C-alpha atoms as a PDB file:
ATOM      1  CA  MET A   1     -37.609  12.781   1.943  1.00  0.00           C
ATOM      2  CA  THR A   2     -40.049  11.813   4.639  1.00  0.00           C
ATOM      3  CA  THR A   3     -42.257  14.542   5.995  1.00  0.00           C
ATOM      4  CA  SER A   4     -41.883  13.162   9.519  1.00  0.00           C
ATOM      5  CA  VAL A   5     -38.109  13.633   9.365  1.00  0.00           C
ATOM      6  CA  ALA A   6     -38.560  17.194   8.128  1.00  0.00           C
ATOM      7  CA  THR A   7     -41.058  17.774  10.931  1.00  0.00           C
ATOM      8  CA  HIS A   8     -38.601  16.416  13.522  1.00  0.00           C
ATOM      9  CA  ILE A   9     -35.866  18.682  12.178  1.00  0.00           C
ATOM     10  CA  ARG A  10     -38.198  21.680  12.423  1.00  0.00           C
ATOM     11  CA  ILE A  11     -39.200  20.703  15.978  1.00  0.00           C
ATOM     12  CA  LEU A  12     -35.539  20.287  16.925  1.00  0.00           C
ATOM     13  CA  ALA A  13     -34.720  23.685  15.431  1.00  0.00           C
ATOM     14  CA  LEU A  14     -37.494  25.378  17.400  1.00  0.00           C
ATOM     15  CA  LEU A  15     -36.487  23.592  20.609  1.00  0.00           C
ATOM     16  CA  TYR A  16     -32.893  24.660  20.057  1.00  0.00           C
ATOM     17  CA  LEU A  17     -33.987  28.275  19.582  1.00  0.00           C
ATOM     18  CA  VAL A  18     -36.129  28.251  22.738  1.00  0.00           C
ATOM     19  CA  PHE A  19     -33.735  26.319  24.989  1.00  0.00           C
ATOM     20  CA  GLY A  20     -30.703  28.183  23.624  1.00  0.00           C
ATOM     21  CA  THR A  21     -32.266  31.555  24.342  1.00  0.00           C
ATOM     22  CA  ILE A  22     -33.261  30.472  27.846  1.00  0.00           C
ATOM     23  CA  ALA A  23     -29.768  29.067  28.494  1.00  0.00           C
ATOM     24  CA  CYS A  24     -28.136  32.324  27.362  1.00  0.00           C
ATOM     25  CA  VAL A  25     -30.404  34.537  29.470  1.00  0.00           C
ATOM     26  CA  VAL A  26     -30.092  32.390  32.605  1.00  0.00           C
ATOM     27  CA  SER A  27     -26.324  31.950  32.226  1.00  0.00           C
ATOM     28  CA  LEU A  28     -25.657  35.633  31.691  1.00  0.00           C
ATOM     29  CA  SER A  29     -27.901  36.489  34.657  1.00  0.00           C
ATOM     30  CA  ILE A  30     -25.960  34.065  36.852  1.00  0.00           C
ATOM     31  CA  LEU A  31     -22.665  35.591  35.701  1.00  0.00           C
ATOM     32  CA  VAL A  32     -23.882  39.085  36.599  1.00  0.00           C
ATOM     33  CA  LEU A  33     -25.184  37.912  39.979  1.00  0.00           C
ATOM     34  CA  CYS A  34     -21.910  36.109  40.743  1.00  0.00           C
ATOM     35  CA  LYS A  35     -19.952  39.222  39.882  1.00  0.00           C
ATOM     36  CA  LEU A  36     -22.161  41.356  42.106  1.00  0.00           C
ATOM     37  CA  ALA A  37     -22.033  38.870  44.973  1.00  0.00           C
ATOM     38  CA  ALA A  38     -18.282  38.363  44.715  1.00  0.00           C
ATOM     39  CA  THR A  39     -17.462  42.070  44.751  1.00  0.00           C
ATOM     40  CA  PRO A  40     -16.867  43.136  48.351  1.00  0.00           C
ATOM     41  CA  MET A  41     -18.887  46.222  49.238  1.00  0.00           C
ATOM     42  CA  HIS A  42     -16.771  47.328  52.202  1.00  0.00           C
ATOM     43  CA  ARG A  43     -13.501  47.822  50.322  1.00  0.00           C
ATOM     44  CA  THR A  44     -12.270  50.985  48.701  1.00  0.00           C
ATOM     45  CA  GLU A  45     -11.350  51.111  45.034  1.00  0.00           C
ATOM     46  CA  ALA A  46      -7.608  51.021  45.847  1.00  0.00           C
ATOM     47  CA  GLU A  47      -8.041  47.931  48.015  1.00  0.00           C
ATOM     48  CA  LEU A  48      -9.947  46.184  45.232  1.00  0.00           C
ATOM     49  CA  HIS A  49      -7.084  46.706  42.781  1.00  0.00           C
ATOM     50  CA  THR A  50      -4.397  45.493  45.180  1.00  0.00           C
ATOM     51  CA  HIS A  51      -6.375  42.551  46.596  1.00  0.00           C
ATOM     52  CA  THR A  52      -5.096  39.204  45.358  1.00  0.00           C
ATOM     53  CA  THR A  53      -6.491  35.838  46.265  1.00  0.00           C
ATOM     54  CA  THR A  54      -5.506  32.266  45.751  1.00  0.00           C
ATOM     55  CA  MET A  55      -7.790  29.413  44.797  1.00  0.00           C
ATOM     56  CA  VAL A  56      -6.867  27.463  47.938  1.00  0.00           C
ATOM     57  CA  ALA A  57      -9.719  27.111  50.418  1.00  0.00           C
ATOM     58  CA  VAL A  58      -7.565  26.633  53.528  1.00  0.00           C
ATOM     59  CA  GLN A  59      -3.969  27.610  54.194  1.00  0.00           C
ATOM     60  CA  PRO A  60      -1.873  26.758  57.235  1.00  0.00           C
ATOM     61  CA  GLY A  61      -2.211  29.371  59.940  1.00  0.00           C
ATOM     62  CA  ASP A  62      -5.763  30.395  59.067  1.00  0.00           C
ATOM     63  CA  GLU A  63      -8.144  30.163  61.956  1.00  0.00           C
ATOM     64  CA  PRO A  64     -11.280  28.104  61.260  1.00  0.00           C
ATOM     65  CA  GLY A  65     -14.074  30.394  60.105  1.00  0.00           C
ATOM     66  CA  SER A  66     -11.789  33.385  59.590  1.00  0.00           C
ATOM     67  CA  ALA A  67     -12.619  36.009  57.002  1.00  0.00           C
ATOM     68  CA  THR A  68      -9.608  35.021  54.896  1.00  0.00           C
ATOM     69  CA  GLN A  69     -10.730  31.414  54.815  1.00  0.00           C
ATOM     70  CA  LEU A  70     -14.298  32.366  53.890  1.00  0.00           C
ATOM     71  CA  THR A  71     -13.069  34.712  51.163  1.00  0.00           C
ATOM     72  CA  ARG A  72     -10.999  31.954  49.592  1.00  0.00           C
ATOM     73  CA  LEU A  73     -13.894  29.517  49.807  1.00  0.00           C
ATOM     74  CA  SER A  74     -16.285  32.015  48.227  1.00  0.00           C
ATOM     75  CA  ASN A  75     -13.804  32.562  45.394  1.00  0.00           C
ATOM     76  CA  VAL A  76     -13.778  28.833  44.686  1.00  0.00           C
ATOM     77  CA  VAL A  77     -17.580  28.611  44.793  1.00  0.00           C
ATOM     78  CA  PHE A  78     -18.136  31.678  42.619  1.00  0.00           C
ATOM     79  CA  GLY A  79     -15.457  30.479  40.221  1.00  0.00           C
ATOM     80  CA  ALA A  80     -17.159  27.104  39.807  1.00  0.00           C
ATOM     81  CA  VAL A  81     -20.596  28.677  39.366  1.00  0.00           C
ATOM     82  CA  GLY A  82     -19.146  31.185  36.904  1.00  0.00           C
ATOM     83  CA  ALA A  83     -17.497  28.419  34.884  1.00  0.00           C
ATOM     84  CA  ALA A  84     -20.792  26.512  34.726  1.00  0.00           C
ATOM     85  CA  ALA A  85     -22.591  29.675  33.627  1.00  0.00           C
ATOM     86  CA  CYS A  86     -19.993  30.279  30.895  1.00  0.00           C
ATOM     87  CA  PHE A  87     -20.497  26.706  29.691  1.00  0.00           C
ATOM     88  CA  GLY A  88     -24.264  27.267  29.660  1.00  0.00           C
ATOM     89  CA  SER A  89     -23.966  30.449  27.627  1.00  0.00           C
ATOM     90  CA  ILE A  90     -21.662  28.766  25.088  1.00  0.00           C
ATOM     91  CA  VAL A  91     -24.105  25.873  24.695  1.00  0.00           C
ATOM     92  CA  GLY A  92     -26.959  28.377  24.373  1.00  0.00           C
ATOM     93  CA  VAL A  93     -25.229  30.278  21.592  1.00  0.00           C
ATOM     94  CA  LEU A  94     -24.430  27.018  19.803  1.00  0.00           C
ATOM     95  CA  ALA A  95     -28.080  25.971  20.085  1.00  0.00           C
ATOM     96  CA  VAL A  96     -29.415  29.259  18.706  1.00  0.00           C
ATOM     97  CA  VAL A  97     -26.997  29.235  15.769  1.00  0.00           C
ATOM     98  CA  SER A  98     -27.771  25.576  15.132  1.00  0.00           C
ATOM     99  CA  GLY A  99     -31.514  26.206  15.315  1.00  0.00           C
ATOM    100  CA  ILE A 100     -31.249  28.887  12.647  1.00  0.00           C
ATOM    101  CA  GLY A 101     -29.202  26.555  10.458  1.00  0.00           C
ATOM    102  CA  LEU A 102     -31.649  23.683  10.924  1.00  0.00           C
ATOM    103  CA  LEU A 103     -34.589  25.891   9.955  1.00  0.00           C
ATOM    104  CA  ARG A 104     -32.731  26.811   6.763  1.00  0.00           C
ATOM    105  CA  HIS A 105     -31.725  23.152   6.146  1.00  0.00           C
ATOM    106  CA  SER A 106     -28.070  24.196   5.964  1.00  0.00           C
ATOM    107  CA  SER A 107     -25.358  21.559   5.918  1.00  0.00           C
ATOM    108  CA  TRP A 108     -23.123  23.569   8.266  1.00  0.00           C
ATOM    109  CA  SER A 109     -25.696  23.123  11.047  1.00  0.00           C
ATOM    110  CA  ILE A 110     -24.957  19.387  11.426  1.00  0.00           C
ATOM    111  CA  PRO A 111     -21.673  19.621  13.422  1.00  0.00           C
ATOM    112  CA  ILE A 112     -22.969  22.561  15.453  1.00  0.00           C
ATOM    113  CA  SER A 113     -26.138  20.599  16.231  1.00  0.00           C
ATOM    114  CA  PHE A 114     -24.060  17.663  17.458  1.00  0.00           C
ATOM    115  CA  ALA A 115     -22.005  19.981  19.666  1.00  0.00           C
ATOM    116  CA  ALA A 116     -25.142  21.596  21.098  1.00  0.00           C
ATOM    117  CA  ALA A 117     -26.744  18.175  21.687  1.00  0.00           C
ATOM    118  CA  VAL A 118     -23.721  16.927  23.619  1.00  0.00           C
ATOM    119  CA  GLY A 119     -23.549  20.246  25.469  1.00  0.00           C
ATOM    120  CA  PHE A 120     -27.167  19.956  26.586  1.00  0.00           C
ATOM    121  CA  LEU A 121     -26.687  16.472  28.080  1.00  0.00           C
ATOM    122  CA  PRO A 122     -25.377  17.683  31.499  1.00  0.00           C
ATOM    123  CA  PHE A 123     -28.410  19.980  31.997  1.00  0.00           C
ATOM    124  CA  ILE A 124     -30.578  17.832  34.234  1.00  0.00           C
ATOM    125  CA  LEU A 125     -33.892  16.543  32.830  1.00  0.00           C
ATOM    126  CA  PRO A 126     -35.003  18.974  30.086  1.00  0.00           C
ATOM    127  CA  GLY A 127     -31.514  19.438  28.682  1.00  0.00           C
ATOM    128  CA  THR A 128     -30.759  15.738  28.838  1.00  0.00           C
ATOM    129  CA  ALA A 129     -34.030  14.916  27.077  1.00  0.00           C
ATOM    130  CA  LEU A 130     -33.324  17.537  24.403  1.00  0.00           C
ATOM    131  CA  GLY A 131     -29.778  16.260  23.923  1.00  0.00           C
ATOM    132  CA  ILE A 132     -30.909  12.661  23.509  1.00  0.00           C
ATOM    133  CA  TYR A 133     -33.735  13.681  21.148  1.00  0.00           C
ATOM    134  CA  ALA A 134     -31.299  15.730  19.074  1.00  0.00           C
ATOM    135  CA  LEU A 135     -28.786  12.889  18.871  1.00  0.00           C
ATOM    136  CA  VAL A 136     -31.503  10.449  17.784  1.00  0.00           C
ATOM    137  CA  ILE A 137     -32.621  12.853  15.039  1.00  0.00           C
ATOM    138  CA  LEU A 138     -29.096  13.723  13.934  1.00  0.00           C
ATOM    139  CA  PHE A 139     -28.006  10.084  13.683  1.00  0.00           C
ATOM    140  CA  ASN A 140     -30.898   9.416  11.296  1.00  0.00           C
ATOM    141  CA  GLN A 141     -29.515   9.093   7.746  1.00  0.00           C
ATOM    142  CA  GLU A 142     -32.637  10.664   6.228  1.00  0.00           C
ATOM    143  CA  ALA A 143     -32.169  13.761   8.362  1.00  0.00           C
ATOM    144  CA  VAL A 144     -28.509  14.062   7.391  1.00  0.00           C
ATOM    145  CA  SER A 145     -29.336  13.662   3.705  1.00  0.00           C
ATOM    146  CA  LEU A 146     -32.117  16.253   4.011  1.00  0.00           C
ATOM    147  CA  LEU A 147     -29.699  18.725   5.594  1.00  0.00           C
ATOM    148  CA  LYS A 148     -26.938  18.101   3.044  1.00  0.00           C
ATOM    149  CA  ASP A 149     -29.131  19.099   0.092  1.00  0.00           C
END
């Protein structure tokens, strides 16, 4: 067992804990903000329950710039942002769980660490760097043997 490999695993675990916590907080905040922004303030409670929308931005017969067209477009935008925020919160939870497992040198943390590393790759710059660093560490045979003990 090389001490540098153990040090890299500890660093990766701490980075996972920090980045995972940040990802969860930011993602959940975005989900709450999307929900608040997508809820129309001018409608009554009965109108909210009967209001149905489609995920089509433009339908024949809609005038350009009409309220119906803008509502459909905002549903698509908020849906996409909400899906990205859900993905971010899932990756954050995986990273936190994996960070705890890596600190304990548990063998079950290896597949979760791989999933978190791949999940962090789309997060521009810091997430991509963390994902690549994690993959380099996790593909090291010494690190895998240290975690399987």
